[in-house]
Amino acid sequence: MLALSPTDDDFMRLALAEARAAADSGEVPVGAVVVKDGRVIATGRNAPIEGHDPTAHAEIVALRAAAQALGNYRLDGCTLYVTLEPCAMCSGAMLHARLARVVFGAPDPKTGAAGSVLNLFEHGQLNHQTTVQGGVLATEAADLLRGFFKERRVNQHPLRDDALRTPDDRFNDLPGYPWPPHYLSDLPALGGWRMHYLDEGPRQAPITWLCLHGNPAWSYLYRKMIPVFLANGDRVVAPDLIGFGKSDKPKKDSAHTFGWHRQALLEFIERLDLRNVVLVVQDWGGLLGLTLPMDAPQRYRGLLVMNTTLATGEVPLSPGFLAWRTMCAQNPMFDVARLFARGNPQMSAEECAAYNAPFPDKGHRAALRTFPAMVPEHLDDEGAAISRQAQTFWSSDWTGQSLMAIGQQDPVLGEPVMRSLHRSIRQCPEPMLLPQAGHFVQEHGEAIAQAAVRHFGA
């Protein structure tokens, strides 16, 4: 609690608390408070990653909140406390707001606009002058920043407080999965979540096979197809969606939305600058993946589509899928390995167990609980509108090659669903039928991959 006559140090400590909260959210730790007549009227913390907003510096957030609190964009008589010397953008906003005073903590020798690089506040030509004082609790503010960036130098992908990370030893010696991991966490949509992906083969290969998995699988699903693609001299990229595989697992079910996962995939493709892509999809890999090429069709040359659908809300979901969704709701701790074993008797016990590896306990299973209910069922469900746009793209605008493979034993998204999807894909040839394959068609993937190499290489 502040003293009866709070000092600059007292208010700066409140700003430091905001900075620590920013760090806990994966943002650069800068915090701010706005004070009028000895009372805090607004607070702010850095949030450009969370808000996808380059202007969301702590000072701007605090200024906006203060203006709302006072009902006036002019903040006459107010003091803004911020833990780091403001940049040119924030300094300009402070001058426009006509703050009486700005107090900052640590200097910023790279972008500081209150004396370090330049001083916007010293220009007498401006029609308002704001008093500036720096160095208040500068050591504490600087230590907070140093600690934040040191952690990122030591640990490139720190774990968020609202995330879990499957221990690495859960993935030791998995049969048929020898490839080293790759990680990224700085995509805007990820906000610090660590995403895992495989990236094998030459970067300038004639084809890049982008392999997207579904629920409750992960990139392990493609272990029988990847060697065939690589033997052809191609590149293979296979990400694990957030919540699956070696990627971070949100603690809260609510973290998962159709739009968020789609945006993360779009940013992933752009970051890796994938080109000459053959999009390989199944299950949720198709629900999401089939909506991607219309945003950048120049990146794609082909589509290999296995048991999946576009959920547009225009036709009822299949009875098999509705039964699957009910089962997941009633049995949230279902055994993933047993699921794979039931539909794939040719798999070894060790292979089936590999699908359980990412999910050691209930806390790691938020995606498994959430994804069945996320499939759009009605016209206004999230993802339905973008899926309808994708359906139009595939039926009218798609100019690449296509190949469909159908696991005929699939009770969830089997041949009737796939025949309907086939009619929506422009110039897609007659599907490849796999009488012994179930929903997870990739477990029969070697023959599919060989057919795909011939088809897309022709």
Protein backbone atom coordinates (compact mmCIF):
# COMPACT_ATOMS: atom_id res chain seq x y z
CA MET A 1 0.00 0.00 0.00
CA LEU A 2 1.30 3.46 -0.88
CA ALA A 3 2.12 5.95 1.83
CA LEU A 4 -0.16 8.96 2.40
CA SER A 5 2.22 11.06 0.28
CA PRO A 6 3.56 8.64 -2.32
CA THR A 7 6.88 9.40 -3.95
CA ASP A 8 8.22 8.89 -7.45
CA ASP A 9 9.82 5.67 -6.20
CA ASP A 10 6.43 4.39 -5.01
CA PHE A 11 4.78 4.97 -8.37
CA MET A 12 7.74 3.52 -10.24
CA ARG A 13 7.42 0.35 -8.17
CA LEU A 14 3.86 0.03 -9.45
CA ALA A 15 5.19 0.43 -13.00
CA LEU A 16 7.77 -2.27 -12.27
CA ALA A 17 4.97 -4.60 -11.18
CA GLU A 18 3.34 -4.04 -14.57
CA ALA A 19 6.65 -4.77 -16.27
CA ARG A 20 6.96 -8.08 -14.43
CA ALA A 21 3.44 -8.98 -15.52
CA ALA A 22 4.45 -8.26 -19.12
CA ALA A 23 7.45 -10.57 -18.76
CA ASP A 24 5.22 -13.32 -17.39
CA SER A 25 3.18 -13.05 -20.60
CA GLY A 26 6.26 -13.32 -22.79
CA GLU A 27 6.46 -9.61 -23.58
CA VAL A 28 9.48 -7.34 -23.12
CA PRO A 29 9.17 -6.18 -19.47
CA VAL A 30 8.15 -2.54 -19.64
CA GLY A 31 5.39 -1.15 -17.44
CA ALA A 32 3.75 2.23 -16.96
CA VAL A 33 1.28 4.04 -14.71
CA VAL A 34 -0.43 7.41 -15.11
CA VAL A 35 -0.97 9.52 -11.99
CA LYS A 36 -3.17 12.59 -11.44
CA ASP A 37 -3.44 14.46 -8.14
CA GLY A 38 -1.47 11.75 -6.37
CA ARG A 39 -3.74 8.94 -7.54
CA VAL A 40 -3.11 6.21 -10.14
CA ILE A 41 -5.75 6.53 -12.87
CA ALA A 42 -4.34 4.06 -15.40
CA THR A 43 -1.78 1.32 -15.87
CA GLY A 44 -0.15 -0.28 -18.90
CA ARG A 45 2.25 -3.03 -19.83
CA ASN A 46 3.92 -4.04 -23.08
CA ALA A 47 1.54 -6.12 -25.23
CA PRO A 48 2.53 -5.96 -28.93
CA ILE A 49 2.81 -9.75 -29.23
CA GLU A 50 -0.45 -10.50 -27.44
CA GLY A 51 -2.37 -7.84 -29.36
CA HIS A 52 -0.60 -8.18 -32.73
CA ASP A 53 -0.16 -4.42 -32.34
CA PRO A 54 3.17 -2.64 -32.93
CA THR A 55 1.84 0.41 -31.06
CA ALA A 56 0.98 -1.50 -27.88
CA HIS A 57 3.92 -0.21 -25.84
CA ALA A 58 3.31 0.13 -22.11
CA GLU A 59 3.12 3.92 -22.35
CA ILE A 60 0.56 3.89 -25.17
CA VAL A 61 -1.59 1.35 -23.33
CA ALA A 62 -1.48 3.50 -20.20
CA LEU A 63 -2.22 6.73 -22.10
CA ARG A 64 -5.26 5.17 -23.75
CA ALA A 65 -6.58 3.92 -20.41
CA ALA A 66 -5.98 7.31 -18.77
CA ALA A 67 -7.80 9.16 -21.55
CA GLN A 68 -10.77 6.83 -21.12
CA ALA A 69 -10.73 7.33 -17.35
CA LEU A 70 -10.74 11.13 -17.69
CA GLY A 71 -12.98 11.27 -20.72
CA ASN A 72 -10.45 13.49 -22.47
CA TYR A 73 -7.54 12.81 -24.77
CA ARG A 74 -5.72 15.73 -23.14
CA LEU A 75 -4.07 14.57 -19.93
CA ASP A 76 -3.32 17.94 -18.39
CA GLY A 77 -1.78 17.76 -14.95
CA CYS A 78 -0.89 14.06 -15.27
CA THR A 79 2.44 12.30 -14.72
CA LEU A 80 3.39 9.12 -16.55
CA TYR A 81 5.84 6.73 -14.90
CA VAL A 82 7.50 4.16 -17.15
CA THR A 83 10.27 1.69 -16.39
CA LEU A 84 12.21 2.32 -19.62
CA GLU A 85 13.03 5.54 -21.43
CA PRO A 86 10.26 6.10 -24.00
CA CYS A 87 10.84 5.69 -27.72
CA ALA A 88 10.00 8.31 -30.35
CA MET A 89 6.48 6.95 -30.88
CA CYS A 90 5.63 7.03 -27.19
CA SER A 91 7.33 10.38 -26.62
CA GLY A 92 5.26 11.90 -29.41
CA ALA A 93 2.08 10.51 -27.89
CA MET A 94 3.02 11.95 -24.50
CA LEU A 95 3.52 15.37 -26.00
CA HIS A 96 0.21 15.18 -27.86
CA ALA A 97 -1.49 14.20 -24.60
CA ARG A 98 0.04 17.27 -22.93
CA LEU A 99 1.34 15.40 -19.93
CA ALA A 100 2.77 17.63 -17.26
CA ARG A 101 5.59 15.25 -16.47
CA VAL A 102 7.26 12.00 -17.56
CA VAL A 103 9.36 9.93 -15.16
CA PHE A 104 11.32 6.95 -16.47
CA GLY A 105 13.58 4.33 -14.98
CA ALA A 106 16.34 2.84 -17.11
CA PRO A 107 17.78 4.71 -20.09
CA ASP A 108 17.48 3.09 -23.54
CA PRO A 109 20.69 3.70 -25.50
CA LYS A 110 19.23 2.19 -28.68
CA THR A 111 15.83 3.84 -29.12
CA GLY A 112 15.43 6.27 -26.21
CA ALA A 113 13.86 9.58 -27.28
CA ALA A 114 14.14 11.39 -23.95
CA GLY A 115 17.86 12.03 -24.11
CA SER A 116 19.71 8.84 -25.06
CA VAL A 117 19.38 8.84 -28.87
CA LEU A 118 17.48 12.10 -29.21
CA ASN A 119 15.34 14.25 -26.96
CA LEU A 120 11.93 15.13 -28.35
CA PHE A 121 11.03 16.87 -25.12
CA GLU A 122 13.67 19.60 -25.44
CA HIS A 123 12.34 21.19 -28.62
CA GLY A 124 11.03 24.64 -27.72
CA GLN A 125 9.29 24.95 -31.07
CA LEU A 126 6.63 22.51 -29.92
CA ASN A 127 3.50 24.10 -28.50
CA HIS A 128 3.65 22.02 -25.33
CA GLN A 129 6.56 21.22 -23.04
CA THR A 130 6.61 18.19 -20.78
CA THR A 131 9.06 17.91 -17.91
CA VAL A 132 11.19 14.75 -18.02
CA GLN A 133 13.06 13.02 -15.21
CA GLY A 134 15.04 9.82 -15.71
CA GLY A 135 16.88 7.36 -13.52
CA VAL A 136 14.15 6.61 -10.96
CA LEU A 137 14.75 3.01 -9.78
CA ALA A 138 16.89 2.65 -12.89
CA THR A 139 18.87 -0.29 -11.49
CA GLU A 140 15.74 -2.33 -10.75
CA ALA A 141 14.29 -1.58 -14.19
CA ALA A 142 17.54 -2.42 -15.98
CA ASP A 143 17.99 -5.65 -13.99
CA LEU A 144 14.50 -6.75 -15.00
CA LEU A 145 15.28 -6.19 -18.67
CA ARG A 146 18.69 -7.86 -18.46
CA GLY A 147 17.21 -10.91 -16.76
CA PHE A 148 14.49 -11.19 -19.39
CA PHE A 149 16.88 -11.09 -22.34
CA LYS A 150 19.48 -13.27 -20.62
CA GLU A 151 16.88 -16.01 -20.22
CA ARG A 152 16.14 -15.81 -23.92
CA ARG A 153 19.80 -16.00 -24.84
CA VAL A 154 20.23 -19.06 -22.64
CA ASN A 155 16.82 -20.57 -23.39
CA GLN A 156 15.68 -19.62 -26.86
CA HIS A 157 12.18 -20.89 -26.21
CA PRO A 158 11.24 -20.29 -22.55
CA LEU A 159 8.12 -22.01 -21.26
CA ARG A 160 5.12 -19.78 -20.70
CA ASP A 161 3.45 -19.89 -17.29
CA ASP A 162 0.21 -21.07 -18.90
CA ALA A 163 1.88 -23.91 -20.82
CA LEU A 164 3.21 -27.40 -20.25
CA ARG A 165 6.06 -29.02 -22.16
CA THR A 166 6.30 -32.77 -22.57
CA PRO A 167 9.65 -34.01 -21.19
CA ASP A 168 12.12 -34.83 -23.95
CA ASP A 169 12.73 -38.34 -22.64
CA ARG A 170 9.16 -39.27 -23.55
CA PHE A 171 10.31 -39.14 -27.19
CA ASN A 172 13.49 -41.20 -26.86
CA ASP A 173 13.95 -44.14 -29.22
CA LEU A 174 10.56 -43.96 -30.91
CA PRO A 175 10.42 -46.57 -33.70
CA GLY A 176 10.79 -45.15 -37.17
CA TYR A 177 11.24 -41.53 -36.06
CA PRO A 178 14.96 -40.60 -36.22
CA TRP A 179 14.71 -36.96 -37.28
CA PRO A 180 16.05 -34.10 -35.13
CA PRO A 181 13.64 -31.50 -33.77
CA HIS A 182 13.31 -27.90 -34.90
CA TYR A 183 11.55 -25.23 -32.87
CA LEU A 184 10.27 -21.69 -33.21
CA SER A 185 8.32 -19.52 -30.79
CA ASP A 186 8.47 -15.98 -32.17
CA LEU A 187 5.62 -16.07 -34.67
CA PRO A 188 3.13 -13.32 -33.79
CA ALA A 189 0.26 -15.79 -33.39
CA LEU A 190 2.28 -18.03 -31.12
CA GLY A 191 2.99 -15.35 -28.52
CA GLY A 192 5.85 -17.40 -27.10
CA TRP A 193 4.36 -20.88 -27.46
CA ARG A 194 7.05 -23.24 -28.73
CA MET A 195 6.11 -25.05 -31.95
CA HIS A 196 8.00 -28.15 -33.04
CA TYR A 197 8.50 -29.19 -36.65
CA LEU A 198 10.52 -31.56 -38.77
CA ASP A 199 12.45 -30.08 -41.67
CA GLU A 200 14.34 -32.59 -43.79
CA GLY A 201 15.82 -32.52 -47.27
CA PRO A 202 17.35 -29.76 -49.40
CA ARG A 203 15.88 -26.27 -49.05
CA GLN A 204 15.87 -25.78 -52.82
CA ALA A 205 14.22 -29.12 -53.57
CA PRO A 206 11.79 -29.27 -56.51
CA ILE A 207 8.97 -30.22 -54.13
CA THR A 208 8.34 -29.38 -50.48
CA TRP A 209 5.88 -31.79 -48.87
CA LEU A 210 4.06 -29.92 -46.10
CA CYS A 211 2.56 -32.65 -43.91
CA LEU A 212 -0.20 -31.61 -41.50
CA HIS A 213 -1.49 -34.02 -38.86
CA GLY A 214 -4.80 -34.19 -37.03
CA ASN A 215 -6.18 -35.07 -33.61
CA PRO A 216 -4.89 -36.91 -31.57
CA ALA A 217 -1.85 -37.51 -33.77
CA TRP A 218 1.37 -35.57 -34.36
CA SER A 219 4.21 -35.57 -36.89
CA TYR A 220 5.01 -39.19 -35.96
CA LEU A 221 2.04 -40.02 -38.19
CA TYR A 222 4.14 -39.32 -41.30
CA ARG A 223 7.12 -41.53 -40.44
CA LYS A 224 6.28 -44.03 -43.22
CA MET A 225 5.85 -41.36 -45.89
CA ILE A 226 8.78 -39.07 -45.09
CA PRO A 227 11.52 -41.54 -46.21
CA VAL A 228 9.84 -41.96 -49.61
CA PHE A 229 9.71 -38.22 -50.18
CA LEU A 230 13.32 -37.76 -49.07
CA ALA A 231 14.52 -40.58 -51.31
CA ASN A 232 13.05 -38.63 -54.21
CA GLY A 233 15.33 -35.68 -53.38
CA ASP A 234 12.50 -33.59 -51.94
CA ARG A 235 12.06 -31.53 -48.78
CA VAL A 236 9.63 -32.51 -46.02
CA VAL A 237 8.24 -30.11 -43.41
CA ALA A 238 5.96 -31.55 -40.74
CA PRO A 239 4.87 -29.29 -37.86
CA ASP A 240 3.20 -30.33 -34.63
CA LEU A 241 0.20 -28.13 -33.90
CA ILE A 242 0.33 -26.38 -30.55
CA GLY A 243 -1.06 -28.84 -28.02
CA PHE A 244 0.31 -31.90 -29.87
CA GLY A 245 3.57 -33.78 -30.28
CA LYS A 246 6.67 -31.94 -29.14
CA SER A 247 4.97 -28.54 -29.29
CA ASP A 248 3.92 -26.76 -26.10
CA LYS A 249 0.63 -27.74 -24.47
CA PRO A 250 -1.71 -24.97 -23.27
CA LYS A 251 -3.03 -25.60 -19.77
CA LYS A 252 -6.43 -24.14 -20.62
CA ASP A 253 -8.82 -25.66 -23.13
CA SER A 254 -9.91 -22.15 -24.14
CA ALA A 255 -6.50 -21.42 -25.67
CA HIS A 256 -7.48 -23.49 -28.71
CA THR A 257 -9.54 -21.89 -31.46
CA PHE A 258 -9.91 -22.60 -35.17
CA GLY A 259 -8.74 -19.14 -36.19
CA TRP A 260 -5.71 -19.13 -33.92
CA HIS A 261 -4.37 -22.46 -35.18
CA ARG A 262 -5.00 -21.42 -38.78
CA GLN A 263 -3.15 -18.15 -38.30
CA ALA A 264 -0.20 -19.92 -36.70
CA LEU A 265 0.08 -22.22 -39.72
CA LEU A 266 -0.11 -19.30 -42.16
CA GLU A 267 2.69 -17.52 -40.29
CA PHE A 268 4.72 -20.74 -40.08
CA ILE A 269 4.56 -21.22 -43.86
CA GLU A 270 5.53 -17.62 -44.46
CA ARG A 271 8.39 -17.72 -41.94
CA LEU A 272 9.92 -20.78 -43.58
CA ASP A 273 9.11 -19.23 -46.99
CA LEU A 274 7.81 -22.58 -48.25
CA ARG A 275 7.43 -22.79 -52.02
CA ASN A 276 6.60 -25.51 -54.55
CA VAL A 277 4.49 -27.00 -51.80
CA VAL A 278 2.48 -30.17 -52.06
CA LEU A 279 0.06 -29.87 -49.18
CA VAL A 280 -0.43 -33.23 -47.44
CA VAL A 281 -3.47 -33.31 -45.15
CA GLN A 282 -5.64 -35.64 -43.10
CA ASP A 283 -8.19 -35.14 -40.30
CA TRP A 284 -7.62 -31.69 -38.69
CA GLY A 285 -4.66 -31.30 -41.02
CA GLY A 286 -7.33 -30.92 -43.71
CA LEU A 287 -9.92 -29.01 -41.70
CA LEU A 288 -7.28 -26.34 -41.17
CA GLY A 289 -4.91 -27.04 -44.04
CA LEU A 290 -7.47 -26.89 -46.82
CA THR A 291 -8.16 -23.26 -45.84
CA LEU A 292 -4.52 -22.19 -46.29
CA PRO A 293 -3.64 -22.17 -50.03
CA MET A 294 -6.21 -19.56 -51.00
CA ASP A 295 -4.25 -17.01 -48.93
CA ALA A 296 -1.05 -17.56 -50.95
CA PRO A 297 -1.81 -19.82 -53.95
CA GLN A 298 1.56 -19.05 -55.54
CA ARG A 299 3.26 -21.17 -52.86
CA TYR A 300 1.39 -24.38 -53.76
CA ARG A 301 1.72 -26.78 -56.65
CA GLY A 302 -0.21 -29.77 -55.36
CA LEU A 303 -2.60 -31.31 -52.85
CA LEU A 304 -2.43 -34.82 -51.38
CA VAL A 305 -5.62 -35.22 -49.37
CA MET A 306 -6.51 -38.16 -47.14
CA ASN A 307 -9.47 -38.81 -44.86
CA THR A 308 -10.66 -35.33 -43.89
CA THR A 309 -13.34 -32.77 -44.72
CA LEU A 310 -14.15 -29.10 -45.05
CA ALA A 311 -16.62 -28.25 -42.28
CA THR A 312 -18.65 -25.46 -43.86
CA GLY A 313 -21.78 -25.69 -41.70
CA GLU A 314 -23.85 -26.27 -44.84
CA VAL A 315 -24.25 -30.04 -44.46
CA PRO A 316 -24.55 -32.14 -41.30
CA LEU A 317 -21.38 -33.62 -39.86
CA SER A 318 -21.09 -37.35 -40.49
CA PRO A 319 -22.67 -39.76 -37.97
CA GLY A 320 -19.23 -41.29 -37.46
CA PHE A 321 -17.73 -37.96 -36.48
CA LEU A 322 -20.61 -37.13 -34.14
CA ALA A 323 -20.08 -40.50 -32.44
CA TRP A 324 -16.36 -39.72 -32.11
CA ARG A 325 -17.12 -36.33 -30.58
CA THR A 326 -19.50 -37.89 -28.07
CA MET A 327 -16.92 -40.52 -27.13
CA CYS A 328 -14.27 -37.85 -26.51
CA ALA A 329 -16.65 -35.84 -24.32
CA GLN A 330 -17.62 -38.89 -22.28
CA ASN A 331 -14.10 -40.35 -22.06
CA PRO A 332 -11.66 -37.40 -21.97
CA MET A 333 -8.80 -39.68 -20.81
CA PHE A 334 -9.21 -42.20 -23.64
CA ASP A 335 -6.10 -44.22 -24.42
CA VAL A 336 -4.56 -42.80 -27.60
CA ALA A 337 -2.37 -45.88 -28.13
CA ARG A 338 -5.39 -48.16 -27.87
CA LEU A 339 -7.23 -46.00 -30.42
CA PHE A 340 -4.45 -46.51 -32.95
CA ALA A 341 -4.12 -50.20 -32.18
CA ARG A 342 -7.84 -50.82 -32.71
CA GLY A 343 -7.83 -49.38 -36.23
CA ASN A 344 -4.34 -50.52 -37.22
CA PRO A 345 -3.69 -54.15 -36.22
CA GLN A 346 -0.48 -54.13 -38.28
CA MET A 347 1.15 -51.60 -35.90
CA SER A 348 3.51 -52.77 -33.15
CA ALA A 349 2.80 -51.99 -29.50
CA GLU A 350 5.78 -49.63 -29.51
CA GLU A 351 4.41 -47.69 -32.47
CA CYS A 352 1.01 -47.35 -30.82
CA ALA A 353 2.63 -46.21 -27.57
CA ALA A 354 4.47 -43.47 -29.47
CA TYR A 355 1.14 -41.71 -30.00
CA ASN A 356 0.72 -41.53 -26.22
CA ALA A 357 4.17 -39.99 -25.73
CA PRO A 358 3.09 -36.32 -25.95
CA PHE A 359 0.35 -36.71 -23.32
CA PRO A 360 1.75 -37.96 -19.99
CA ASP A 361 -1.19 -36.73 -17.93
CA LYS A 362 -4.52 -34.89 -17.96
CA GLY A 363 -2.87 -31.47 -17.98
CA HIS A 364 -1.22 -32.11 -21.33
CA ARG A 365 -4.49 -33.09 -23.03
CA ALA A 366 -6.29 -29.74 -23.48
CA ALA A 367 -6.11 -30.05 -27.29
CA LEU A 368 -7.49 -33.60 -27.22
CA ARG A 369 -10.47 -32.38 -25.18
CA THR A 370 -11.07 -29.28 -27.28
CA PHE A 371 -10.55 -30.23 -30.92
CA PRO A 372 -13.62 -32.47 -31.39
CA ALA A 373 -15.92 -29.64 -30.31
CA MET A 374 -14.04 -27.13 -32.48
CA VAL A 375 -15.14 -28.73 -35.76
CA PRO A 376 -17.62 -26.24 -37.27
CA GLU A 377 -21.13 -27.69 -37.31
CA HIS A 378 -23.33 -24.66 -37.98
CA LEU A 379 -23.11 -21.79 -40.46
CA ASP A 380 -22.04 -19.28 -37.82
CA ASP A 381 -19.52 -21.50 -35.98
CA GLU A 382 -15.93 -20.26 -35.98
CA GLY A 383 -14.17 -21.64 -39.03
CA ALA A 384 -17.31 -22.31 -41.06
CA ALA A 385 -17.16 -19.12 -43.14
CA ILE A 386 -13.47 -19.52 -43.98
CA SER A 387 -14.16 -23.16 -44.88
CA ARG A 388 -16.89 -22.08 -47.30
CA GLN A 389 -14.41 -19.68 -48.90
CA ALA A 390 -11.93 -22.53 -49.19
CA GLN A 391 -14.54 -24.75 -50.81
CA THR A 392 -15.09 -22.12 -53.48
CA PHE A 393 -11.33 -21.83 -53.99
CA TRP A 394 -10.85 -25.57 -54.49
CA SER A 395 -13.82 -25.91 -56.82
CA SER A 396 -13.26 -22.78 -58.91
CA ASP A 397 -9.77 -21.31 -58.49
CA TRP A 398 -7.40 -24.19 -57.79
CA THR A 399 -4.99 -24.76 -60.68
CA GLY A 400 -2.53 -27.22 -59.14
CA GLN A 401 -2.42 -31.01 -59.25
CA SER A 402 -4.40 -33.09 -56.77
CA LEU A 403 -4.40 -36.65 -55.49
CA MET A 404 -6.83 -38.22 -53.04
CA ALA A 405 -6.27 -41.38 -50.98
CA ILE A 406 -9.17 -42.89 -49.03
CA GLY A 407 -8.93 -45.30 -46.11
CA GLN A 408 -12.10 -47.28 -46.68
CA GLN A 409 -12.30 -48.67 -43.13
CA ASP A 410 -12.62 -45.20 -41.60
CA PRO A 411 -15.89 -44.91 -39.59
CA VAL A 412 -15.40 -41.16 -38.94
CA LEU A 413 -14.41 -39.51 -42.25
CA GLY A 414 -14.66 -42.44 -44.61
CA GLU A 415 -15.44 -42.89 -48.28
CA PRO A 416 -18.85 -41.11 -48.40
CA VAL A 417 -17.34 -37.98 -46.82
CA MET A 418 -14.31 -38.16 -49.07
CA ARG A 419 -16.38 -38.65 -52.24
CA SER A 420 -18.25 -35.48 -51.35
CA LEU A 421 -14.97 -33.62 -50.85
CA HIS A 422 -13.66 -35.06 -54.12
CA ARG A 423 -16.48 -33.35 -56.01
CA SER A 424 -15.33 -30.01 -54.55
CA ILE A 425 -11.72 -30.25 -55.78
CA ARG A 426 -11.26 -29.05 -59.33
CA GLN A 427 -9.83 -31.68 -61.71
CA CYS A 428 -9.02 -34.14 -58.94
CA PRO A 429 -8.53 -37.60 -60.49
CA GLU A 430 -10.24 -40.77 -59.28
CA PRO A 431 -9.18 -41.46 -55.68
CA MET A 432 -6.65 -44.06 -54.62
CA LEU A 433 -8.59 -46.57 -52.48
CA LEU A 434 -7.02 -48.41 -49.54
CA PRO A 435 -9.39 -51.21 -48.48
CA GLN A 436 -7.41 -52.09 -45.31
CA ALA A 437 -6.76 -48.53 -44.12
CA GLY A 438 -8.83 -46.80 -41.48
CA HIS A 439 -8.95 -43.18 -40.39
CA PHE A 440 -5.20 -42.81 -39.91
CA VAL A 441 -4.39 -43.52 -43.53
CA GLN A 442 -0.74 -42.58 -43.10
CA GLU A 443 -0.16 -45.86 -41.25
CA HIS A 444 -0.40 -47.32 -44.77
CA GLY A 445 1.54 -44.35 -46.07
CA GLU A 446 4.46 -45.89 -47.93
CA ALA A 447 2.30 -46.91 -50.88
CA ILE A 448 0.51 -43.55 -50.83
CA ALA A 449 3.81 -41.66 -50.81
CA GLN A 450 5.16 -43.73 -53.71
CA ALA A 451 2.02 -43.01 -55.73
CA ALA A 452 2.27 -39.32 -54.84
CA VAL A 453 5.91 -39.09 -55.94
CA ARG A 454 4.94 -40.54 -59.32
CA HIS A 455 1.87 -38.35 -59.64
CA PHE A 456 3.38 -34.99 -58.68
CA GLY A 457 6.71 -35.69 -60.36
CA ALA A 458 5.11 -36.36 -63.72
